[in-house]
């Protein structure tokens, strides 16, 4: 009986498998895993961590933008238009800062939602940015001065004055907010959905 000649490069494991195959026996290979081996968790955790980071940066960006912008503009208005002393301006701005922190991010979300209706033209951007600031901030301002004791004509004039100021500052603040968001690596917000920005191509 002639002996089988095995190739020189064949390992014992390969020779055993070939011998079984000659006899009609199929060897099923199973991937062996250690019982202590666990699936990688990085890919599952990355979206969650990314969302948390995005929410945290959005809160910080919107809060910083509102505090900086309205502390400066409010201080100028109170000092040079309302004629308040610097001490009164500081007190008013400190109180304003406390009130602005909890509403900064909600306003950012409100503005993003309103600005989805804006077109690409400058006038459309100006209109919707001003409208978003006025409709959000004026009711808050009206409630503050009403609780502070304003009533009748004083309350009405205060609300009208705030409305005019918010209309004027709406677009400048929107541009400032977008700039601060870019510094935090965030999109400007208020973009239209893709289906509204692109035209359907004929098939």
C-alpha atoms as a PDB file:
ATOM      1  CA  UNK A   1       0.000   0.000   0.000  1.00  0.00           C
ATOM      2  CA  UNK A   2       1.444   3.309  -1.075  1.00  0.00           C
ATOM      3  CA  UNK A   3       1.729   5.926   1.663  1.00  0.00           C
ATOM      4  CA  UNK A   4       0.112   9.335   1.161  1.00  0.00           C
ATOM      5  CA  UNK A   5       2.605  12.053   0.396  1.00  0.00           C
ATOM      6  CA  UNK A   6       1.793  15.187   2.469  1.00  0.00           C
ATOM      7  CA  UNK A   7       2.963  18.590   1.301  1.00  0.00           C
ATOM      8  CA  UNK A   8       5.875  19.867   3.319  1.00  0.00           C
ATOM      9  CA  UNK A   9       4.073  23.036   4.336  1.00  0.00           C
ATOM     10  CA  UNK A  10       1.031  21.220   5.774  1.00  0.00           C
ATOM     11  CA  UNK A  11       0.659  21.381   9.525  1.00  0.00           C
ATOM     12  CA  UNK A  12      -0.586  18.392  11.546  1.00  0.00           C
ATOM     13  CA  UNK A  13      -3.972  20.040  11.925  1.00  0.00           C
ATOM     14  CA  UNK A  14      -4.298  20.434   8.163  1.00  0.00           C
ATOM     15  CA  UNK A  15      -3.273  16.816   7.560  1.00  0.00           C
ATOM     16  CA  UNK A  16      -5.837  15.551  10.082  1.00  0.00           C
ATOM     17  CA  UNK A  17      -8.586  17.564   8.416  1.00  0.00           C
ATOM     18  CA  UNK A  18      -7.637  16.213   4.965  1.00  0.00           C
ATOM     19  CA  UNK A  19      -7.692  12.658   6.269  1.00  0.00           C
ATOM     20  CA  UNK A  20     -11.189  13.091   7.654  1.00  0.00           C
ATOM     21  CA  UNK A  21     -12.365  14.606   4.374  1.00  0.00           C
ATOM     22  CA  UNK A  22     -11.035  11.553   2.460  1.00  0.00           C
ATOM     23  CA  UNK A  23     -13.238   9.375   4.658  1.00  0.00           C
ATOM     24  CA  UNK A  24     -16.316  11.539   4.004  1.00  0.00           C
ATOM     25  CA  UNK A  25     -16.321  13.149   7.434  1.00  0.00           C
ATOM     26  CA  UNK A  26     -16.988  16.904   7.591  1.00  0.00           C
ATOM     27  CA  UNK A  27     -15.371  18.927  10.307  1.00  0.00           C
ATOM     28  CA  UNK A  28     -17.374  21.921  11.493  1.00  0.00           C
ATOM     29  CA  UNK A  29     -15.241  24.759  12.803  1.00  0.00           C
ATOM     30  CA  UNK A  30     -16.707  26.878  15.540  1.00  0.00           C
ATOM     31  CA  UNK A  31     -15.376  30.233  16.572  1.00  0.00           C
ATOM     32  CA  UNK A  32     -14.134  29.865  20.093  1.00  0.00           C
ATOM     33  CA  UNK A  33     -14.735  32.763  22.450  1.00  0.00           C
ATOM     34  CA  UNK A  34     -13.577  33.147  25.929  1.00  0.00           C
ATOM     35  CA  UNK A  35     -16.435  32.872  28.462  1.00  0.00           C
ATOM     36  CA  UNK A  36     -15.243  36.115  29.991  1.00  0.00           C
ATOM     37  CA  UNK A  37     -15.185  37.965  26.672  1.00  0.00           C
ATOM     38  CA  UNK A  38     -17.758  40.795  26.468  1.00  0.00           C
ATOM     39  CA  UNK A  39     -18.997  42.707  23.404  1.00  0.00           C
ATOM     40  CA  UNK A  40     -17.470  46.076  22.754  1.00  0.00           C
ATOM     41  CA  UNK A  41     -19.462  48.860  24.355  1.00  0.00           C
ATOM     42  CA  UNK A  42     -17.807  51.835  22.725  1.00  0.00           C
ATOM     43  CA  UNK A  43     -19.991  51.951  19.624  1.00  0.00           C
ATOM     44  CA  UNK A  44     -23.201  51.755  21.665  1.00  0.00           C
ATOM     45  CA  UNK A  45     -22.108  54.445  24.087  1.00  0.00           C
ATOM     46  CA  UNK A  46     -20.809  56.940  21.517  1.00  0.00           C
ATOM     47  CA  UNK A  47     -24.226  58.247  20.315  1.00  0.00           C
ATOM     48  CA  UNK A  48     -25.448  58.670  23.889  1.00  0.00           C
ATOM     49  CA  UNK A  49     -22.288  60.480  24.954  1.00  0.00           C
ATOM     50  CA  UNK A  50     -22.388  62.596  21.820  1.00  0.00           C
ATOM     51  CA  UNK A  51     -25.986  63.655  22.508  1.00  0.00           C
ATOM     52  CA  UNK A  52     -25.145  64.522  26.101  1.00  0.00           C
ATOM     53  CA  UNK A  53     -22.175  66.594  24.976  1.00  0.00           C
ATOM     54  CA  UNK A  54     -24.292  68.374  22.361  1.00  0.00           C
ATOM     55  CA  UNK A  55     -26.989  69.266  24.895  1.00  0.00           C
ATOM     56  CA  UNK A  56     -24.422  70.518  27.383  1.00  0.00           C
ATOM     57  CA  UNK A  57     -22.635  72.679  24.829  1.00  0.00           C
ATOM     58  CA  UNK A  58     -25.946  74.025  23.500  1.00  0.00           C
ATOM     59  CA  UNK A  59     -26.987  75.070  27.013  1.00  0.00           C
ATOM     60  CA  UNK A  60     -23.636  76.777  27.673  1.00  0.00           C
ATOM     61  CA  UNK A  61     -23.564  78.556  24.299  1.00  0.00           C
ATOM     62  CA  UNK A  62     -27.140  79.877  24.495  1.00  0.00           C
ATOM     63  CA  UNK A  63     -26.751  80.961  28.123  1.00  0.00           C
ATOM     64  CA  UNK A  64     -23.450  82.745  27.483  1.00  0.00           C
ATOM     65  CA  UNK A  65     -24.851  84.524  24.424  1.00  0.00           C
ATOM     66  CA  UNK A  66     -27.951  85.798  26.242  1.00  0.00           C
ATOM     67  CA  UNK A  67     -26.005  86.934  29.310  1.00  0.00           C
ATOM     68  CA  UNK A  68     -23.317  88.786  27.361  1.00  0.00           C
ATOM     69  CA  UNK A  69     -25.620  90.438  24.835  1.00  0.00           C
ATOM     70  CA  UNK A  70     -28.367  91.657  27.133  1.00  0.00           C
ATOM     71  CA  UNK A  71     -26.055  92.574  29.992  1.00  0.00           C
ATOM     72  CA  UNK A  72     -24.277  94.986  27.638  1.00  0.00           C
ATOM     73  CA  UNK A  73     -27.339  96.314  25.804  1.00  0.00           C
ATOM     74  CA  UNK A  74     -29.441  96.462  28.975  1.00  0.00           C
ATOM     75  CA  UNK A  75     -26.695  98.308  30.834  1.00  0.00           C
ATOM     76  CA  UNK A  76     -26.365 100.895  28.057  1.00  0.00           C
ATOM     77  CA  UNK A  77     -30.136 101.398  27.985  1.00  0.00           C
ATOM     78  CA  UNK A  78     -30.436 101.739  31.766  1.00  0.00           C
ATOM     79  CA  UNK A  79     -27.476 104.081  32.131  1.00  0.00           C
ATOM     80  CA  UNK A  80     -27.778 106.429  29.149  1.00  0.00           C
ATOM     81  CA  UNK A  81     -31.487 106.260  28.306  1.00  0.00           C
ATOM     82  CA  UNK A  82     -33.220 105.518  31.596  1.00  0.00           C
ATOM     83  CA  UNK A  83     -30.695 107.665  33.503  1.00  0.00           C
ATOM     84  CA  UNK A  84     -29.986 105.105  36.239  1.00  0.00           C
ATOM     85  CA  UNK A  85     -26.835 105.337  38.345  1.00  0.00           C
ATOM     86  CA  UNK A  86     -24.046 102.803  37.863  1.00  0.00           C
ATOM     87  CA  UNK A  87     -24.954 101.170  41.167  1.00  0.00           C
ATOM     88  CA  UNK A  88     -28.545 100.759  40.048  1.00  0.00           C
ATOM     89  CA  UNK A  89     -27.388  99.428  36.693  1.00  0.00           C
ATOM     90  CA  UNK A  90     -25.213  96.817  38.411  1.00  0.00           C
ATOM     91  CA  UNK A  91     -28.056  95.722  40.647  1.00  0.00           C
ATOM     92  CA  UNK A  92     -30.457  95.516  37.721  1.00  0.00           C
ATOM     93  CA  UNK A  93     -27.979  93.526  35.618  1.00  0.00           C
ATOM     94  CA  UNK A  94     -27.279  91.082  38.443  1.00  0.00           C
ATOM     95  CA  UNK A  95     -31.001  90.481  38.844  1.00  0.00           C
ATOM     96  CA  UNK A  96     -31.354  90.184  35.089  1.00  0.00           C
ATOM     97  CA  UNK A  97     -28.556  87.611  34.927  1.00  0.00           C
ATOM     98  CA  UNK A  98     -30.333  85.428  37.489  1.00  0.00           C
ATOM     99  CA  UNK A  99     -33.534  85.592  35.450  1.00  0.00           C
ATOM    100  CA  UNK A 100     -31.814  85.040  32.093  1.00  0.00           C
ATOM    101  CA  UNK A 101     -30.061  81.772  32.979  1.00  0.00           C
ATOM    102  CA  UNK A 102     -33.211  79.583  33.090  1.00  0.00           C
ATOM    103  CA  UNK A 103     -34.708  81.086  29.898  1.00  0.00           C
ATOM    104  CA  UNK A 104     -31.611  81.215  27.681  1.00  0.00           C
ATOM    105  CA  UNK A 105     -31.762  77.682  26.330  1.00  0.00           C
ATOM    106  CA  UNK A 106     -35.583  77.612  25.994  1.00  0.00           C
ATOM    107  CA  UNK A 107     -35.324  80.785  23.908  1.00  0.00           C
ATOM    108  CA  UNK A 108     -32.636  79.169  21.756  1.00  0.00           C
ATOM    109  CA  UNK A 109     -34.963  76.263  21.030  1.00  0.00           C
ATOM    110  CA  UNK A 110     -37.879  78.642  20.378  1.00  0.00           C
ATOM    111  CA  UNK A 111     -35.779  80.716  17.971  1.00  0.00           C
ATOM    112  CA  UNK A 112     -34.608  77.611  16.107  1.00  0.00           C
ATOM    113  CA  UNK A 113     -38.228  76.552  15.624  1.00  0.00           C
ATOM    114  CA  UNK A 114     -39.364  80.008  14.439  1.00  0.00           C
ATOM    115  CA  UNK A 115     -36.395  80.504  12.111  1.00  0.00           C
ATOM    116  CA  UNK A 116     -37.282  77.364  10.171  1.00  0.00           C
ATOM    117  CA  UNK A 117     -39.978  79.512   8.558  1.00  0.00           C
ATOM    118  CA  UNK A 118     -37.497  82.159   7.399  1.00  0.00           C
ATOM    119  CA  UNK A 119     -36.390  82.374   3.786  1.00  0.00           C
ATOM    120  CA  UNK A 120     -32.927  83.066   2.435  1.00  0.00           C
ATOM    121  CA  UNK A 121     -33.479  86.805   1.956  1.00  0.00           C
ATOM    122  CA  UNK A 122     -32.217  89.393   4.430  1.00  0.00           C
ATOM    123  CA  UNK A 123     -35.692  90.792   5.045  1.00  0.00           C
ATOM    124  CA  UNK A 124     -37.106  87.369   5.838  1.00  0.00           C
ATOM    125  CA  UNK A 125     -34.279  86.627   8.269  1.00  0.00           C
ATOM    126  CA  UNK A 126     -34.758  90.045   9.899  1.00  0.00           C
ATOM    127  CA  UNK A 127     -38.506  89.625  10.270  1.00  0.00           C
ATOM    128  CA  UNK A 128     -38.498  86.124  11.776  1.00  0.00           C
ATOM    129  CA  UNK A 129     -35.516  86.777  14.056  1.00  0.00           C
ATOM    130  CA  UNK A 130     -37.150  89.917  15.443  1.00  0.00           C
ATOM    131  CA  UNK A 131     -40.506  88.172  15.795  1.00  0.00           C
ATOM    132  CA  UNK A 132     -38.977  85.254  17.702  1.00  0.00           C
ATOM    133  CA  UNK A 133     -37.292  87.537  20.242  1.00  0.00           C
ATOM    134  CA  UNK A 134     -40.336  89.755  20.718  1.00  0.00           C
ATOM    135  CA  UNK A 135     -42.861  86.936  21.155  1.00  0.00           C
ATOM    136  CA  UNK A 136     -40.660  85.154  23.691  1.00  0.00           C
ATOM    137  CA  UNK A 137     -39.193  87.972  25.774  1.00  0.00           C
ATOM    138  CA  UNK A 138     -42.012  90.522  25.912  1.00  0.00           C
ATOM    139  CA  UNK A 139     -44.478  88.301  27.856  1.00  0.00           C
ATOM    140  CA  UNK A 140     -41.707  87.527  30.368  1.00  0.00           C
ATOM    141  CA  UNK A 141     -40.851  91.225  30.697  1.00  0.00           C
ATOM    142  CA  UNK A 142     -44.529  92.128  31.093  1.00  0.00           C
ATOM    143  CA  UNK A 143     -44.925  89.609  33.914  1.00  0.00           C
ATOM    144  CA  UNK A 144     -41.809  90.936  35.672  1.00  0.00           C
ATOM    145  CA  UNK A 145     -42.867  94.592  35.659  1.00  0.00           C
ATOM    146  CA  UNK A 146     -46.448  93.672  36.563  1.00  0.00           C
ATOM    147  CA  UNK A 147     -45.239  91.763  39.618  1.00  0.00           C
ATOM    148  CA  UNK A 148     -42.941  94.701  40.417  1.00  0.00           C
ATOM    149  CA  UNK A 149     -45.989  96.972  40.706  1.00  0.00           C
ATOM    150  CA  UNK A 150     -46.469  98.506  37.252  1.00  0.00           C
ATOM    151  CA  UNK A 151     -50.093  98.988  36.260  1.00  0.00           C
ATOM    152  CA  UNK A 152     -52.324 100.917  33.901  1.00  0.00           C
ATOM    153  CA  UNK A 153     -50.551 103.253  31.503  1.00  0.00           C
ATOM    154  CA  UNK A 154     -47.150 102.506  33.006  1.00  0.00           C
ATOM    155  CA  UNK A 155     -47.550  98.798  32.377  1.00  0.00           C
ATOM    156  CA  UNK A 156     -48.741  99.376  28.806  1.00  0.00           C
ATOM    157  CA  UNK A 157     -45.938 101.792  27.955  1.00  0.00           C
ATOM    158  CA  UNK A 158     -43.371  99.412  29.445  1.00  0.00           C
ATOM    159  CA  UNK A 159     -44.660  96.538  27.333  1.00  0.00           C
ATOM    160  CA  UNK A 160     -44.717  98.646  24.161  1.00  0.00           C
ATOM    161  CA  UNK A 161     -41.197  99.912  24.835  1.00  0.00           C
ATOM    162  CA  UNK A 162     -39.938  96.382  25.375  1.00  0.00           C
ATOM    163  CA  UNK A 163     -41.641  95.243  22.168  1.00  0.00           C
ATOM    164  CA  UNK A 164     -39.916  97.945  20.132  1.00  0.00           C
ATOM    165  CA  UNK A 165     -36.559  97.164  21.726  1.00  0.00           C
ATOM    166  CA  UNK A 166     -36.904  93.427  21.041  1.00  0.00           C
ATOM    167  CA  UNK A 167     -37.871  94.091  17.423  1.00  0.00           C
ATOM    168  CA  UNK A 168     -34.754  96.223  16.967  1.00  0.00           C
ATOM    169  CA  UNK A 169     -32.426  93.798  18.748  1.00  0.00           C
ATOM    170  CA  UNK A 170     -33.883  90.588  17.334  1.00  0.00           C
ATOM    171  CA  UNK A 171     -31.607  90.204  14.313  1.00  0.00           C
ATOM    172  CA  UNK A 172     -28.413  91.510  15.991  1.00  0.00           C
ATOM    173  CA  UNK A 173     -28.906  89.042  18.825  1.00  0.00           C
ATOM    174  CA  UNK A 174     -29.650  86.222  16.374  1.00  0.00           C
ATOM    175  CA  UNK A 175     -26.367  86.886  14.563  1.00  0.00           C
ATOM    176  CA  UNK A 176     -24.509  87.060  17.883  1.00  0.00           C
ATOM    177  CA  UNK A 177     -26.075  83.794  19.037  1.00  0.00           C
ATOM    178  CA  UNK A 178     -25.008  82.067  15.822  1.00  0.00           C
ATOM    179  CA  UNK A 179     -21.442  83.334  16.287  1.00  0.00           C
ATOM    180  CA  UNK A 180     -21.276  82.034  19.866  1.00  0.00           C
ATOM    181  CA  UNK A 181     -22.656  78.666  18.780  1.00  0.00           C
ATOM    182  CA  UNK A 182     -19.938  78.401  16.136  1.00  0.00           C
ATOM    183  CA  UNK A 183     -17.310  78.976  18.828  1.00  0.00           C
ATOM    184  CA  UNK A 184     -18.744  75.967  20.665  1.00  0.00           C
ATOM    185  CA  UNK A 185     -18.673  73.862  17.495  1.00  0.00           C
ATOM    186  CA  UNK A 186     -22.449  73.903  17.096  1.00  0.00           C
ATOM    187  CA  UNK A 187     -24.650  74.553  14.049  1.00  0.00           C
ATOM    188  CA  UNK A 188     -26.390  77.906  13.960  1.00  0.00           C
ATOM    189  CA  UNK A 189     -29.849  76.343  14.254  1.00  0.00           C
ATOM    190  CA  UNK A 190     -33.064  77.268  12.548  1.00  0.00           C
ATOM    191  CA  UNK A 191     -32.197  75.495   9.296  1.00  0.00           C
ATOM    192  CA  UNK A 192     -35.022  74.180   7.194  1.00  0.00           C
ATOM    193  CA  UNK A 193     -35.442  70.429   6.795  1.00  0.00           C
ATOM    194  CA  UNK A 194     -33.676  68.958   3.768  1.00  0.00           C
ATOM    195  CA  UNK A 195     -36.991  68.334   2.041  1.00  0.00           C
ATOM    196  CA  UNK A 196     -37.692  72.075   2.056  1.00  0.00           C
ATOM    197  CA  UNK A 197     -34.240  73.149   0.884  1.00  0.00           C
ATOM    198  CA  UNK A 198     -33.873  70.797  -2.067  1.00  0.00           C
ATOM    199  CA  UNK A 199     -36.020  70.439  -5.142  1.00  0.00           C
ATOM    200  CA  UNK A 200     -37.319  67.074  -6.206  1.00  0.00           C
ATOM    201  CA  UNK A 201     -35.552  65.886  -9.318  1.00  0.00           C
ATOM    202  CA  UNK A 202     -37.681  64.287 -12.034  1.00  0.00           C
ATOM    203  CA  UNK A 203     -36.965  60.609 -12.527  1.00  0.00           C
END
